[in-house]
C-alpha cells in the first residue's frame, strides 16, 4: 500500500455538497484529513471536518471561509477547486435560413464566474497561507472538453481550458514556495447531473468511452487524492485525464 502522507492534513474542497466534490471530501476524510467542504448550497461535514456555505465568485465570502479554516486549524495544506456549473447552449442556432437562438450573456458570464473566476478567487485567498506554512497542493477541476472542445459548450470549454492555463502558470510561479499545482480532466462521470439525462444520451457517452463505462465520482476522488499525496511529490503543472480514453465528439 502506498503511503500518502496525508493523515492530519487540512483540505479545502469547493463544491463539496454533492457529486465529485462530496466524493472527494469523503475520500480525503477516509485518509485521515481534516476537510472543509465549501458550497453555495448547504453541505454536510465529513469526518472531523466542517461545512461552510461559500460563494466562490465573491472574494469576501471566500476570505471569510479561509479565515474560519485558519482559525480552526491554523493552516491549509490542500485546495481542491472543484466547484462548477453548466449553462449549455450553441453559440448561434440556425434553422431554415434564420437564426433561432444563441448563447446569452448570462449563460456565458454566470458560468465563467463560477468555473474560472471562482478558481482564481479561491486560489488567491489560500496561497499566502500555504506559502507561510511552507508549501501545499492546489488541484483544479478541468475537463476533457477543455482539451478537445465539445458541441454546445462554448462557455464551459472556455472555462476548463482557462483552468488548464492558470494551472500551468501557477505551477511556474509557486514552485519556489513548494506549492504543487495540477489539474484533473474528467471524462463522462456518473453524477446526479448525468443521472437526469435520457438513457440514449448516456448510451452515446458510454459508446464514446473506450473502457465502455461512465466514470464514477470515486474515480475522480482517487485521482485528486493521489495528486495530493507524497506519491506525486514531483508532479506539477500537469493535466491528468481521468476519462476512460474518451475523446468528445468522435
C-alpha atoms as a PDB file:
ATOM      1  CA  UNK A   1       0.000   0.000   0.000  1.00  0.00           C
ATOM      2  CA  UNK A   2       1.333   3.449  -0.946  1.00  0.00           C
ATOM      3  CA  UNK A   3       1.781   5.830   1.989  1.00  0.00           C
ATOM      4  CA  UNK A   4       0.004   9.058   1.042  1.00  0.00           C
ATOM      5  CA  UNK A   5       1.410  11.222   3.823  1.00  0.00           C
ATOM      6  CA  UNK A   6      -1.956  12.962   4.087  1.00  0.00           C
ATOM      7  CA  UNK A   7      -3.123  11.947   7.549  1.00  0.00           C
ATOM      8  CA  UNK A   8      -3.906  15.038   9.599  1.00  0.00           C
ATOM      9  CA  UNK A   9      -3.612  17.406   6.636  1.00  0.00           C
ATOM     10  CA  UNK A  10      -6.125  20.253   6.204  1.00  0.00           C
ATOM     11  CA  UNK A  11      -8.003  20.053   2.899  1.00  0.00           C
ATOM     12  CA  UNK A  12     -10.483  22.513   1.389  1.00  0.00           C
ATOM     13  CA  UNK A  13     -12.888  21.114  -1.238  1.00  0.00           C
ATOM     14  CA  UNK A  14     -15.116  23.536  -3.146  1.00  0.00           C
ATOM     15  CA  UNK A  15     -18.431  22.277  -4.480  1.00  0.00           C
ATOM     16  CA  UNK A  16     -18.387  19.746  -1.654  1.00  0.00           C
ATOM     17  CA  UNK A  17     -22.147  19.343  -1.207  1.00  0.00           C
ATOM     18  CA  UNK A  18     -22.652  16.732  -3.924  1.00  0.00           C
ATOM     19  CA  UNK A  19     -21.214  14.761  -6.823  1.00  0.00           C
ATOM     20  CA  UNK A  20     -17.456  14.715  -7.345  1.00  0.00           C
ATOM     21  CA  UNK A  21     -16.895  17.298  -4.613  1.00  0.00           C
ATOM     22  CA  UNK A  22     -18.699  15.249  -1.976  1.00  0.00           C
ATOM     23  CA  UNK A  23     -16.910  12.046  -3.021  1.00  0.00           C
ATOM     24  CA  UNK A  24     -13.580  13.888  -2.888  1.00  0.00           C
ATOM     25  CA  UNK A  25     -14.243  15.296   0.576  1.00  0.00           C
ATOM     26  CA  UNK A  26     -15.209  11.843   1.822  1.00  0.00           C
ATOM     27  CA  UNK A  27     -12.114  10.243   0.279  1.00  0.00           C
ATOM     28  CA  UNK A  28      -9.742  12.708   1.943  1.00  0.00           C
ATOM     29  CA  UNK A  29     -11.587  12.225   5.255  1.00  0.00           C
ATOM     30  CA  UNK A  30     -11.109   8.453   4.927  1.00  0.00           C
ATOM     31  CA  UNK A  31      -7.391   9.144   4.637  1.00  0.00           C
ATOM     32  CA  UNK A  32      -7.474  10.938   7.988  1.00  0.00           C
ATOM     33  CA  UNK A  33      -7.580  14.508   6.677  1.00  0.00           C
ATOM     34  CA  UNK A  34      -9.458  17.406   8.241  1.00  0.00           C
ATOM     35  CA  UNK A  35     -11.749  18.588   5.459  1.00  0.00           C
ATOM     36  CA  UNK A  36     -13.556  21.893   4.957  1.00  0.00           C
ATOM     37  CA  UNK A  37     -16.442  21.440   2.491  1.00  0.00           C
ATOM     38  CA  UNK A  38     -17.338  24.661   0.707  1.00  0.00           C
ATOM     39  CA  UNK A  39     -20.513  25.028  -1.335  1.00  0.00           C
ATOM     40  CA  UNK A  40     -23.015  27.720  -2.215  1.00  0.00           C
ATOM     41  CA  UNK A  41     -25.615  25.212  -1.006  1.00  0.00           C
ATOM     42  CA  UNK A  42     -25.723  23.620   2.432  1.00  0.00           C
ATOM     43  CA  UNK A  43     -23.104  20.879   2.692  1.00  0.00           C
ATOM     44  CA  UNK A  44     -22.665  18.227   5.340  1.00  0.00           C
ATOM     45  CA  UNK A  45     -19.369  17.928   7.239  1.00  0.00           C
ATOM     46  CA  UNK A  46     -17.396  14.720   6.733  1.00  0.00           C
ATOM     47  CA  UNK A  47     -15.311  13.001   9.398  1.00  0.00           C
ATOM     48  CA  UNK A  48     -13.803  15.559  11.756  1.00  0.00           C
ATOM     49  CA  UNK A  49     -14.314  18.315   9.205  1.00  0.00           C
ATOM     50  CA  UNK A  50     -16.513  21.361   8.800  1.00  0.00           C
ATOM     51  CA  UNK A  51     -19.023  22.535   6.182  1.00  0.00           C
ATOM     52  CA  UNK A  52     -19.227  26.161   5.078  1.00  0.00           C
ATOM     53  CA  UNK A  53     -21.679  27.975   2.826  1.00  0.00           C
ATOM     54  CA  UNK A  54     -19.385  29.798   0.400  1.00  0.00           C
ATOM     55  CA  UNK A  55     -19.956  31.645  -2.874  1.00  0.00           C
ATOM     56  CA  UNK A  56     -16.677  31.165  -4.755  1.00  0.00           C
ATOM     57  CA  UNK A  57     -17.488  34.076  -7.080  1.00  0.00           C
ATOM     58  CA  UNK A  58     -17.392  36.554  -4.166  1.00  0.00           C
ATOM     59  CA  UNK A  59     -13.977  37.381  -2.721  1.00  0.00           C
ATOM     60  CA  UNK A  60     -15.449  38.459   0.619  1.00  0.00           C
ATOM     61  CA  UNK A  61     -17.265  35.127   1.015  1.00  0.00           C
ATOM     62  CA  UNK A  62     -14.091  33.182   0.239  1.00  0.00           C
ATOM     63  CA  UNK A  63     -11.956  35.343   2.539  1.00  0.00           C
ATOM     64  CA  UNK A  64     -14.388  34.732   5.415  1.00  0.00           C
ATOM     65  CA  UNK A  65     -14.286  30.986   4.789  1.00  0.00           C
ATOM     66  CA  UNK A  66     -10.479  30.946   4.688  1.00  0.00           C
ATOM     67  CA  UNK A  67     -10.359  32.876   7.966  1.00  0.00           C
ATOM     68  CA  UNK A  68     -12.623  30.290   9.596  1.00  0.00           C
ATOM     69  CA  UNK A  69     -10.464  27.391   8.400  1.00  0.00           C
ATOM     70  CA  UNK A  70      -7.314  29.129   9.611  1.00  0.00           C
ATOM     71  CA  UNK A  71      -8.963  29.888  12.944  1.00  0.00           C
ATOM     72  CA  UNK A  72      -9.997  26.259  13.315  1.00  0.00           C
ATOM     73  CA  UNK A  73      -6.820  24.503  12.211  1.00  0.00           C
ATOM     74  CA  UNK A  74      -4.172  27.170  11.633  1.00  0.00           C
ATOM     75  CA  UNK A  75      -3.152  26.024   8.161  1.00  0.00           C
ATOM     76  CA  UNK A  76      -4.329  24.785   4.748  1.00  0.00           C
ATOM     77  CA  UNK A  77      -2.360  22.032   3.028  1.00  0.00           C
ATOM     78  CA  UNK A  78      -4.559  21.171   0.029  1.00  0.00           C
ATOM     79  CA  UNK A  79      -7.099  23.137  -2.014  1.00  0.00           C
ATOM     80  CA  UNK A  80      -9.345  21.254  -4.436  1.00  0.00           C
ATOM     81  CA  UNK A  81     -11.035  23.754  -6.766  1.00  0.00           C
ATOM     82  CA  UNK A  82     -13.943  21.524  -7.775  1.00  0.00           C
ATOM     83  CA  UNK A  83     -16.962  23.884  -7.810  1.00  0.00           C
ATOM     84  CA  UNK A  84     -18.560  24.225 -11.230  1.00  0.00           C
ATOM     85  CA  UNK A  85     -21.831  24.652 -13.131  1.00  0.00           C
ATOM     86  CA  UNK A  86     -23.227  24.006 -16.617  1.00  0.00           C
ATOM     87  CA  UNK A  87     -25.055  26.516 -18.826  1.00  0.00           C
ATOM     88  CA  UNK A  88     -25.043  24.791 -22.210  1.00  0.00           C
ATOM     89  CA  UNK A  89     -26.102  26.366 -25.489  1.00  0.00           C
ATOM     90  CA  UNK A  90     -24.918  26.808 -29.053  1.00  0.00           C
ATOM     91  CA  UNK A  91     -23.056  29.974 -29.972  1.00  0.00           C
ATOM     92  CA  UNK A  92     -25.676  30.598 -32.689  1.00  0.00           C
ATOM     93  CA  UNK A  93     -28.623  28.352 -33.562  1.00  0.00           C
ATOM     94  CA  UNK A  94     -29.620  28.479 -37.220  1.00  0.00           C
ATOM     95  CA  UNK A  95     -32.524  26.715 -38.884  1.00  0.00           C
ATOM     96  CA  UNK A  96     -34.252  27.111 -42.250  1.00  0.00           C
ATOM     97  CA  UNK A  97     -32.157  30.124 -43.166  1.00  0.00           C
ATOM     98  CA  UNK A  98     -32.762  32.079 -39.979  1.00  0.00           C
ATOM     99  CA  UNK A  99     -31.271  32.464 -36.517  1.00  0.00           C
ATOM    100  CA  UNK A 100     -33.415  30.771 -33.876  1.00  0.00           C
ATOM    101  CA  UNK A 101     -31.281  31.405 -30.812  1.00  0.00           C
ATOM    102  CA  UNK A 102     -27.811  31.933 -29.330  1.00  0.00           C
ATOM    103  CA  UNK A 103     -25.831  31.608 -26.125  1.00  0.00           C
ATOM    104  CA  UNK A 104     -26.797  34.535 -23.902  1.00  0.00           C
ATOM    105  CA  UNK A 105     -24.518  36.871 -21.981  1.00  0.00           C
ATOM    106  CA  UNK A 106     -25.989  35.459 -18.761  1.00  0.00           C
ATOM    107  CA  UNK A 107     -25.183  31.883 -19.772  1.00  0.00           C
ATOM    108  CA  UNK A 108     -21.598  32.843 -20.565  1.00  0.00           C
ATOM    109  CA  UNK A 109     -20.913  35.211 -17.686  1.00  0.00           C
ATOM    110  CA  UNK A 110     -22.520  33.166 -14.896  1.00  0.00           C
ATOM    111  CA  UNK A 111     -20.583  30.038 -15.837  1.00  0.00           C
ATOM    112  CA  UNK A 112     -17.246  31.851 -16.223  1.00  0.00           C
ATOM    113  CA  UNK A 113     -17.829  33.472 -12.819  1.00  0.00           C
ATOM    114  CA  UNK A 114     -18.032  30.080 -11.069  1.00  0.00           C
ATOM    115  CA  UNK A 115     -15.843  27.794 -13.164  1.00  0.00           C
ATOM    116  CA  UNK A 116     -12.961  30.155 -13.912  1.00  0.00           C
ATOM    117  CA  UNK A 117     -13.101  33.242 -11.698  1.00  0.00           C
ATOM    118  CA  UNK A 118     -14.024  31.070  -8.706  1.00  0.00           C
ATOM    119  CA  UNK A 119     -10.829  29.042  -9.132  1.00  0.00           C
ATOM    120  CA  UNK A 120      -8.831  32.274  -9.279  1.00  0.00           C
ATOM    121  CA  UNK A 121     -10.531  33.803  -6.222  1.00  0.00           C
ATOM    122  CA  UNK A 122     -10.145  30.708  -4.026  1.00  0.00           C
ATOM    123  CA  UNK A 123      -6.533  30.101  -5.013  1.00  0.00           C
ATOM    124  CA  UNK A 124      -5.555  33.729  -4.481  1.00  0.00           C
ATOM    125  CA  UNK A 125      -7.040  33.602  -0.975  1.00  0.00           C
ATOM    126  CA  UNK A 126      -5.389  30.337   0.045  1.00  0.00           C
ATOM    127  CA  UNK A 127      -1.890  30.665  -1.454  1.00  0.00           C
ATOM    128  CA  UNK A 128      -0.489  33.190   1.084  1.00  0.00           C
ATOM    129  CA  UNK A 129      -1.316  30.763   3.898  1.00  0.00           C
ATOM    130  CA  UNK A 130       0.335  27.894   2.019  1.00  0.00           C
ATOM    131  CA  UNK A 131       3.459  29.983   1.486  1.00  0.00           C
ATOM    132  CA  UNK A 132       3.595  30.874   5.177  1.00  0.00           C
ATOM    133  CA  UNK A 133       3.047  27.213   6.024  1.00  0.00           C
ATOM    134  CA  UNK A 134       5.936  26.015   3.874  1.00  0.00           C
ATOM    135  CA  UNK A 135       4.062  24.620   0.877  1.00  0.00           C
ATOM    136  CA  UNK A 136       0.922  22.893  -0.290  1.00  0.00           C
ATOM    137  CA  UNK A 137      -1.041  21.403  -3.156  1.00  0.00           C
ATOM    138  CA  UNK A 138      -3.627  23.051  -5.424  1.00  0.00           C
ATOM    139  CA  UNK A 139      -5.813  20.807  -7.573  1.00  0.00           C
ATOM    140  CA  UNK A 140      -8.092  22.292 -10.225  1.00  0.00           C
ATOM    141  CA  UNK A 141     -11.090  20.751 -11.955  1.00  0.00           C
ATOM    142  CA  UNK A 142     -10.736  20.940 -15.719  1.00  0.00           C
ATOM    143  CA  UNK A 143     -12.405  18.574 -18.204  1.00  0.00           C
ATOM    144  CA  UNK A 144     -11.582  16.585 -21.308  1.00  0.00           C
ATOM    145  CA  UNK A 145     -13.705  19.108 -23.206  1.00  0.00           C
ATOM    146  CA  UNK A 146     -11.176  21.744 -22.206  1.00  0.00           C
ATOM    147  CA  UNK A 147      -8.659  19.734 -24.230  1.00  0.00           C
ATOM    148  CA  UNK A 148     -10.817  18.715 -27.204  1.00  0.00           C
ATOM    149  CA  UNK A 149     -13.831  21.040 -27.314  1.00  0.00           C
ATOM    150  CA  UNK A 150     -17.464  19.951 -27.327  1.00  0.00           C
ATOM    151  CA  UNK A 151     -20.610  20.917 -29.222  1.00  0.00           C
ATOM    152  CA  UNK A 152     -22.860  23.413 -27.442  1.00  0.00           C
ATOM    153  CA  UNK A 153     -20.396  24.260 -24.682  1.00  0.00           C
ATOM    154  CA  UNK A 154     -18.558  27.443 -25.690  1.00  0.00           C
ATOM    155  CA  UNK A 155     -18.653  28.792 -22.123  1.00  0.00           C
ATOM    156  CA  UNK A 156     -17.827  25.516 -20.362  1.00  0.00           C
ATOM    157  CA  UNK A 157     -14.957  24.670 -22.717  1.00  0.00           C
ATOM    158  CA  UNK A 158     -13.548  28.192 -22.366  1.00  0.00           C
ATOM    159  CA  UNK A 159     -13.627  27.913 -18.570  1.00  0.00           C
ATOM    160  CA  UNK A 160     -11.988  24.486 -18.485  1.00  0.00           C
ATOM    161  CA  UNK A 161      -9.301  25.460 -20.993  1.00  0.00           C
ATOM    162  CA  UNK A 162      -8.693  28.577 -18.891  1.00  0.00           C
ATOM    163  CA  UNK A 163      -8.276  26.431 -15.787  1.00  0.00           C
ATOM    164  CA  UNK A 164      -5.544  24.472 -17.571  1.00  0.00           C
ATOM    165  CA  UNK A 165      -3.773  27.702 -18.449  1.00  0.00           C
ATOM    166  CA  UNK A 166      -3.939  29.009 -14.879  1.00  0.00           C
ATOM    167  CA  UNK A 167      -2.705  25.657 -13.578  1.00  0.00           C
ATOM    168  CA  UNK A 168       0.401  25.865 -15.738  1.00  0.00           C
ATOM    169  CA  UNK A 169       1.093  29.489 -14.806  1.00  0.00           C
ATOM    170  CA  UNK A 170       0.699  28.845 -11.080  1.00  0.00           C
ATOM    171  CA  UNK A 171       2.915  25.761 -11.222  1.00  0.00           C
ATOM    172  CA  UNK A 172       5.687  28.036 -12.547  1.00  0.00           C
ATOM    173  CA  UNK A 173       5.024  30.878 -10.119  1.00  0.00           C
ATOM    174  CA  UNK A 174       4.516  28.839  -6.946  1.00  0.00           C
ATOM    175  CA  UNK A 175       7.005  26.001  -7.312  1.00  0.00           C
ATOM    176  CA  UNK A 176       9.667  28.011  -5.489  1.00  0.00           C
ATOM    177  CA  UNK A 177       7.313  28.102  -2.494  1.00  0.00           C
ATOM    178  CA  UNK A 178       6.968  24.282  -2.553  1.00  0.00           C
ATOM    179  CA  UNK A 179       3.395  24.514  -3.828  1.00  0.00           C
ATOM    180  CA  UNK A 180       2.418  21.992  -6.487  1.00  0.00           C
ATOM    181  CA  UNK A 181      -0.435  22.842  -8.874  1.00  0.00           C
ATOM    182  CA  UNK A 182      -2.146  20.276 -11.102  1.00  0.00           C
ATOM    183  CA  UNK A 183      -5.454  19.826 -12.921  1.00  0.00           C
ATOM    184  CA  UNK A 184      -7.714  16.813 -13.325  1.00  0.00           C
ATOM    185  CA  UNK A 185      -9.690  16.445 -16.558  1.00  0.00           C
ATOM    186  CA  UNK A 186     -12.654  14.108 -16.014  1.00  0.00           C
ATOM    187  CA  UNK A 187     -14.471  12.450 -18.887  1.00  0.00           C
ATOM    188  CA  UNK A 188     -18.111  11.365 -18.649  1.00  0.00           C
ATOM    189  CA  UNK A 189     -18.748  10.840 -14.927  1.00  0.00           C
ATOM    190  CA  UNK A 190     -21.898   9.312 -13.421  1.00  0.00           C
ATOM    191  CA  UNK A 191     -23.049  12.210 -11.243  1.00  0.00           C
ATOM    192  CA  UNK A 192     -26.537  13.334 -10.247  1.00  0.00           C
ATOM    193  CA  UNK A 193     -26.416  15.715 -13.220  1.00  0.00           C
ATOM    194  CA  UNK A 194     -25.886  12.870 -15.674  1.00  0.00           C
ATOM    195  CA  UNK A 195     -28.495  10.674 -13.989  1.00  0.00           C
ATOM    196  CA  UNK A 196     -31.176  13.113 -15.173  1.00  0.00           C
ATOM    197  CA  UNK A 197     -30.186  12.697 -18.825  1.00  0.00           C
ATOM    198  CA  UNK A 198     -32.060  10.367 -21.209  1.00  0.00           C
ATOM    199  CA  UNK A 199     -30.710   6.822 -21.425  1.00  0.00           C
ATOM    200  CA  UNK A 200     -29.982   7.303 -25.127  1.00  0.00           C
ATOM    201  CA  UNK A 201     -27.585  10.155 -24.281  1.00  0.00           C
ATOM    202  CA  UNK A 202     -25.896   8.064 -21.581  1.00  0.00           C
ATOM    203  CA  UNK A 203     -25.533   5.187 -24.025  1.00  0.00           C
ATOM    204  CA  UNK A 204     -23.799   7.514 -26.507  1.00  0.00           C
ATOM    205  CA  UNK A 205     -21.390   8.614 -23.762  1.00  0.00           C
ATOM    206  CA  UNK A 206     -20.556   5.003 -22.949  1.00  0.00           C
ATOM    207  CA  UNK A 207     -20.092   4.215 -26.639  1.00  0.00           C
ATOM    208  CA  UNK A 208     -17.575   7.074 -26.941  1.00  0.00           C
ATOM    209  CA  UNK A 209     -15.584   5.774 -23.956  1.00  0.00           C
ATOM    210  CA  UNK A 210     -13.111   3.016 -24.939  1.00  0.00           C
ATOM    211  CA  UNK A 211     -13.366   1.391 -21.492  1.00  0.00           C
ATOM    212  CA  UNK A 212     -17.112   1.017 -22.099  1.00  0.00           C
ATOM    213  CA  UNK A 213     -18.464   2.659 -18.955  1.00  0.00           C
ATOM    214  CA  UNK A 214     -19.078   6.014 -17.353  1.00  0.00           C
ATOM    215  CA  UNK A 215     -16.587   7.080 -14.735  1.00  0.00           C
ATOM    216  CA  UNK A 216     -17.564   7.161 -11.068  1.00  0.00           C
ATOM    217  CA  UNK A 217     -17.139  10.031  -8.651  1.00  0.00           C
ATOM    218  CA  UNK A 218     -14.715   7.765  -6.777  1.00  0.00           C
ATOM    219  CA  UNK A 219     -12.508   7.598  -9.885  1.00  0.00           C
ATOM    220  CA  UNK A 220     -12.024  11.364  -9.746  1.00  0.00           C
ATOM    221  CA  UNK A 221     -11.723  11.500  -5.956  1.00  0.00           C
ATOM    222  CA  UNK A 222      -8.944   8.893  -6.079  1.00  0.00           C
ATOM    223  CA  UNK A 223      -7.111  10.937  -8.721  1.00  0.00           C
ATOM    224  CA  UNK A 224      -7.259  14.036  -6.523  1.00  0.00           C
ATOM    225  CA  UNK A 225      -6.050  12.042  -3.532  1.00  0.00           C
ATOM    226  CA  UNK A 226      -3.084  10.623  -5.454  1.00  0.00           C
ATOM    227  CA  UNK A 227      -2.052  14.011  -6.853  1.00  0.00           C
ATOM    228  CA  UNK A 228      -2.173  15.473  -3.337  1.00  0.00           C
ATOM    229  CA  UNK A 229      -0.121  12.622  -1.881  1.00  0.00           C
ATOM    230  CA  UNK A 230       3.603  12.134  -1.386  1.00  0.00           C
ATOM    231  CA  UNK A 231       3.471   9.606  -4.241  1.00  0.00           C
ATOM    232  CA  UNK A 232       3.040  12.552  -6.645  1.00  0.00           C
ATOM    233  CA  UNK A 233       5.579  14.838  -4.982  1.00  0.00           C
ATOM    234  CA  UNK A 234       7.484  15.552  -8.228  1.00  0.00           C
ATOM    235  CA  UNK A 235       4.394  16.270 -10.342  1.00  0.00           C
ATOM    236  CA  UNK A 236       3.300  19.844 -11.003  1.00  0.00           C
ATOM    237  CA  UNK A 237       1.834  21.803 -13.903  1.00  0.00           C
ATOM    238  CA  UNK A 238       0.240  18.730 -15.436  1.00  0.00           C
ATOM    239  CA  UNK A 239      -3.280  17.772 -16.530  1.00  0.00           C
ATOM    240  CA  UNK A 240      -4.349  14.264 -15.550  1.00  0.00           C
ATOM    241  CA  UNK A 241      -7.136  12.946 -17.797  1.00  0.00           C
ATOM    242  CA  UNK A 242      -9.434  10.555 -15.930  1.00  0.00           C
ATOM    243  CA  UNK A 243     -11.709   9.693 -18.807  1.00  0.00           C
ATOM    244  CA  UNK A 244     -11.619   6.038 -19.804  1.00  0.00           C
ATOM    245  CA  UNK A 245      -9.897   7.084 -23.028  1.00  0.00           C
ATOM    246  CA  UNK A 246     -12.743   9.270 -24.308  1.00  0.00           C
ATOM    247  CA  UNK A 247     -12.323  11.961 -26.941  1.00  0.00           C
ATOM    248  CA  UNK A 248     -15.541  14.050 -27.046  1.00  0.00           C
ATOM    249  CA  UNK A 249     -17.208  14.468 -30.406  1.00  0.00           C
ATOM    250  CA  UNK A 250     -15.643  11.397 -32.049  1.00  0.00           C
END
